[in-house]
């Protein structure tokens, strides 16, 4: 099977079986989405969604959060991973939005990458989810699933994975494919023991062929 054929089969399966895939983070505007994505680094969406209602009620806009301190924000997010760093980043992010972008989340990746707490993955999430701009955010789920299935050739870094996925996935499907791969990694192709017995991608999966069928 060629790589092009594998991509086509996998994308066709997702389109037929996971058409409505979307982010599981709860938000109502771009500022809230950016806060939630920053909090979600190495933390589950479920935990983030437990934290954000009170956080958003207290800090409903970048202007309000920009006026507070990391210590105050910490009290709302202490149950997530790395709360000290994230509290500093959230306040820094809000101050950057207010000082440089009139309180609005910018729509280009170069501007997004100047914001505290925003790396390439977070920037791409904002492009894809908030602005419907073709982008491929690569988190641990996307990185793992792409390598296991065989969509990438044992990429060593998220950036390598991103570049290969962008090369083979049609631009109009990139944002949706990001969610397909994340959710597949979260619920089926899990880290420790993938649930190959219930996976619809077995027929085209390199991991399944090498580690389940062959033995």
Protein backbone atom coordinates (compact mmCIF):
# COMPACT_ATOMS: atom_id res chain seq x y z
CA UNK A 1 0.00 0.00 0.00
CA UNK A 2 1.38 3.40 -0.95
CA UNK A 3 1.30 6.27 1.49
CA UNK A 4 -1.18 8.12 -0.72
CA UNK A 5 -3.50 5.10 -0.66
CA UNK A 6 -3.24 4.83 3.13
CA UNK A 7 -4.09 8.50 3.55
CA UNK A 8 -7.08 8.21 1.25
CA UNK A 9 -8.46 5.14 3.03
CA UNK A 10 -8.00 6.68 6.48
CA UNK A 11 -9.55 10.01 5.51
CA UNK A 12 -12.46 8.30 3.78
CA UNK A 13 -13.14 6.23 6.91
CA UNK A 14 -13.08 9.27 9.15
CA UNK A 15 -15.39 11.20 6.84
CA UNK A 16 -17.87 8.34 6.91
CA UNK A 17 -17.66 7.64 10.63
CA UNK A 18 -16.62 10.81 12.44
CA UNK A 19 -18.02 13.68 10.42
CA UNK A 20 -18.97 15.81 13.44
CA UNK A 21 -15.58 15.72 15.20
CA UNK A 22 -14.82 18.99 17.00
CA UNK A 23 -13.00 20.29 20.06
CA UNK A 24 -14.23 19.09 23.43
CA UNK A 25 -13.16 22.29 25.18
CA UNK A 26 -16.00 24.56 26.33
CA UNK A 27 -15.82 28.21 25.27
CA UNK A 28 -17.96 31.01 23.90
CA UNK A 29 -15.43 33.34 22.26
CA UNK A 30 -11.86 33.37 20.99
CA UNK A 31 -10.40 34.71 24.24
CA UNK A 32 -12.00 31.87 26.19
CA UNK A 33 -10.78 29.32 23.64
CA UNK A 34 -7.23 30.62 23.92
CA UNK A 35 -7.39 30.41 27.72
CA UNK A 36 -8.73 26.85 27.52
CA UNK A 37 -6.09 25.72 25.02
CA UNK A 38 -3.28 27.14 27.14
CA UNK A 39 -4.69 25.29 30.16
CA UNK A 40 -5.05 22.05 28.18
CA UNK A 41 -1.30 21.55 27.71
CA UNK A 42 -0.51 18.21 29.39
CA UNK A 43 -3.95 18.31 30.99
CA UNK A 44 -7.23 16.67 30.00
CA UNK A 45 -10.03 18.63 28.38
CA UNK A 46 -12.33 17.26 31.06
CA UNK A 47 -10.24 18.86 33.80
CA UNK A 48 -10.00 22.14 31.88
CA UNK A 49 -13.77 22.25 31.46
CA UNK A 50 -14.13 21.87 35.23
CA UNK A 51 -11.79 24.81 35.83
CA UNK A 52 -12.91 27.36 33.26
CA UNK A 53 -16.50 28.25 34.32
CA UNK A 54 -15.38 29.99 37.53
CA UNK A 55 -12.29 31.38 35.80
CA UNK A 56 -14.34 32.91 32.98
CA UNK A 57 -16.89 34.30 35.40
CA UNK A 58 -14.18 36.13 37.33
CA UNK A 59 -12.10 37.11 34.29
CA UNK A 60 -14.60 37.48 31.43
CA UNK A 61 -12.32 39.55 29.17
CA UNK A 62 -8.59 39.99 28.52
CA UNK A 63 -8.82 43.45 30.06
CA UNK A 64 -10.06 42.07 33.37
CA UNK A 65 -7.46 39.30 33.48
CA UNK A 66 -4.70 41.72 32.47
CA UNK A 67 -5.42 43.75 35.57
CA UNK A 68 -4.96 40.86 37.99
CA UNK A 69 -1.92 38.86 39.13
CA UNK A 70 -0.69 35.33 38.43
CA UNK A 71 -1.17 34.57 42.12
CA UNK A 72 -4.87 35.39 41.88
CA UNK A 73 -5.34 33.32 38.71
CA UNK A 74 -3.47 30.42 40.31
CA UNK A 75 -6.27 29.96 42.85
CA UNK A 76 -8.69 29.13 40.03
CA UNK A 77 -6.44 26.76 38.09
CA UNK A 78 -4.47 25.03 40.84
CA UNK A 79 -6.01 21.62 40.00
CA UNK A 80 -4.57 21.56 36.47
CA UNK A 81 -1.03 20.61 35.53
CA UNK A 82 1.72 23.22 35.95
CA UNK A 83 -0.60 25.85 37.46
CA UNK A 84 2.17 28.31 38.37
CA UNK A 85 3.50 28.59 34.83
CA UNK A 86 0.03 28.62 33.32
CA UNK A 87 -1.14 31.38 35.68
CA UNK A 88 1.82 33.52 34.60
CA UNK A 89 1.14 32.75 30.94
CA UNK A 90 -2.57 33.57 31.18
CA UNK A 91 -1.91 36.96 32.73
CA UNK A 92 0.92 37.60 30.26
CA UNK A 93 -1.31 36.51 27.38
CA UNK A 94 -4.09 38.88 28.46
CA UNK A 95 -1.72 41.81 28.85
CA UNK A 96 -0.28 41.11 25.39
CA UNK A 97 -3.75 41.02 23.83
CA UNK A 98 -4.63 44.33 25.46
CA UNK A 99 -1.34 46.11 24.71
CA UNK A 100 -0.69 44.85 21.18
CA UNK A 101 -3.96 43.59 19.71
CA UNK A 102 -6.72 45.80 21.16
CA UNK A 103 -7.98 42.91 23.27
CA UNK A 104 -8.59 40.63 20.27
CA UNK A 105 -6.93 37.32 19.48
CA UNK A 106 -4.84 37.80 16.30
CA UNK A 107 -5.56 35.70 13.23
CA UNK A 108 -2.04 35.03 11.94
CA UNK A 109 0.46 32.54 13.29
CA UNK A 110 3.38 34.98 13.59
CA UNK A 111 1.38 37.28 15.87
CA UNK A 112 0.01 34.38 17.87
CA UNK A 113 3.51 33.07 18.53
CA UNK A 114 4.45 36.35 20.24
CA UNK A 115 1.87 35.74 22.98
CA UNK A 116 3.03 34.23 26.31
CA UNK A 117 2.00 30.59 26.64
CA UNK A 118 1.36 30.17 22.91
CA UNK A 119 3.54 27.68 21.08
CA UNK A 120 3.07 26.35 17.57
CA UNK A 121 0.45 23.77 18.57
CA UNK A 122 -1.68 26.32 20.42
CA UNK A 123 -1.33 28.83 17.57
CA UNK A 124 -2.46 26.22 15.05
CA UNK A 125 -5.44 25.29 17.25
CA UNK A 126 -6.55 28.91 17.22
CA UNK A 127 -6.18 29.12 13.45
CA UNK A 128 -8.11 25.91 12.85
CA UNK A 129 -10.81 26.14 15.51
CA UNK A 130 -11.35 29.86 16.03
CA UNK A 131 -10.78 31.14 12.50
CA UNK A 132 -11.37 28.10 10.27
CA UNK A 133 -7.95 28.58 8.67
CA UNK A 134 -6.34 25.38 7.34
CA UNK A 135 -3.82 24.25 9.96
CA UNK A 136 -2.67 21.03 11.59
CA UNK A 137 -2.04 21.33 15.35
CA UNK A 138 0.07 18.40 16.55
CA UNK A 139 -0.37 17.35 20.17
CA UNK A 140 0.65 14.06 21.76
CA UNK A 141 -2.43 12.28 20.37
CA UNK A 142 -1.90 13.42 16.78
CA UNK A 143 1.82 12.68 17.00
CA UNK A 144 1.19 9.13 18.31
CA UNK A 145 -1.70 8.21 16.03
CA UNK A 146 -0.08 9.51 12.84
CA UNK A 147 3.04 7.45 13.51
CA UNK A 148 1.15 4.32 14.52
CA UNK A 149 -1.19 4.28 11.55
CA UNK A 150 1.63 5.02 9.13
CA UNK A 151 0.61 8.50 8.04
CA UNK A 152 4.11 9.61 8.99
CA UNK A 153 7.41 7.77 8.71
CA UNK A 154 8.40 7.68 12.37
CA UNK A 155 8.60 11.46 12.69
CA UNK A 156 10.79 12.53 15.58
CA UNK A 157 9.20 15.91 16.33
CA UNK A 158 5.72 17.47 16.22
CA UNK A 159 6.93 19.84 13.50
CA UNK A 160 8.02 16.93 11.29
CA UNK A 161 4.62 15.34 11.84
CA UNK A 162 2.82 18.59 11.03
CA UNK A 163 4.73 19.07 7.79
CA UNK A 164 4.03 15.53 6.59
CA UNK A 165 0.32 15.67 7.44
CA UNK A 166 -0.03 19.06 5.74
CA UNK A 167 1.68 17.63 2.67
CA UNK A 168 -0.77 14.75 2.23
CA UNK A 169 -4.08 15.95 3.69
CA UNK A 170 -6.16 18.28 1.48
CA UNK A 171 -6.22 21.83 2.85
CA UNK A 172 -9.99 21.83 3.22
CA UNK A 173 -9.78 18.78 5.52
CA UNK A 174 -6.83 19.83 7.70
CA UNK A 175 -8.79 21.36 10.58
CA UNK A 176 -11.27 18.49 10.65
CA UNK A 177 -8.52 15.87 10.35
CA UNK A 178 -6.85 17.39 13.40
CA UNK A 179 -9.95 16.60 15.47
CA UNK A 180 -10.30 13.15 13.91
CA UNK A 181 -6.77 12.20 14.95
CA UNK A 182 -7.03 13.74 18.43
CA UNK A 183 -10.30 11.98 19.28
CA UNK A 184 -9.07 8.70 17.81
CA UNK A 185 -5.99 8.92 20.01
CA UNK A 186 -8.01 9.91 23.05
CA UNK A 187 -10.57 7.10 22.90
CA UNK A 188 -9.31 4.31 20.60
CA UNK A 189 -5.59 4.51 19.79
CA UNK A 190 -4.70 5.19 23.41
CA UNK A 191 -1.12 5.43 24.59
CA UNK A 192 -0.49 2.29 26.61
CA UNK A 193 -2.67 -0.26 24.86
CA UNK A 194 -4.50 0.74 21.67
CA UNK A 195 -7.99 -0.72 21.32
CA UNK A 196 -7.28 -2.39 18.00
CA UNK A 197 -10.20 -4.79 18.42
CA UNK A 198 -12.71 -1.96 18.00
CA UNK A 199 -10.71 0.25 15.62
CA UNK A 200 -12.16 0.83 12.17
CA UNK A 201 -8.75 1.68 10.75
CA UNK A 202 -7.19 -1.77 11.29
CA UNK A 203 -7.16 -2.66 7.62
CA UNK A 204 -4.82 0.23 6.77
CA UNK A 205 -2.91 0.56 10.04
CA UNK A 206 0.84 -0.13 10.07
CA UNK A 207 0.87 -0.77 13.83
CA UNK A 208 -1.93 -3.35 13.56
CA UNK A 209 -0.21 -5.15 10.70
CA UNK A 210 3.12 -5.36 12.52
CA UNK A 211 2.08 -5.88 16.13
CA UNK A 212 -1.30 -7.63 16.09
CA UNK A 213 -1.71 -9.58 12.84
CA UNK A 214 1.89 -10.68 12.29
CA UNK A 215 2.59 -12.24 15.74
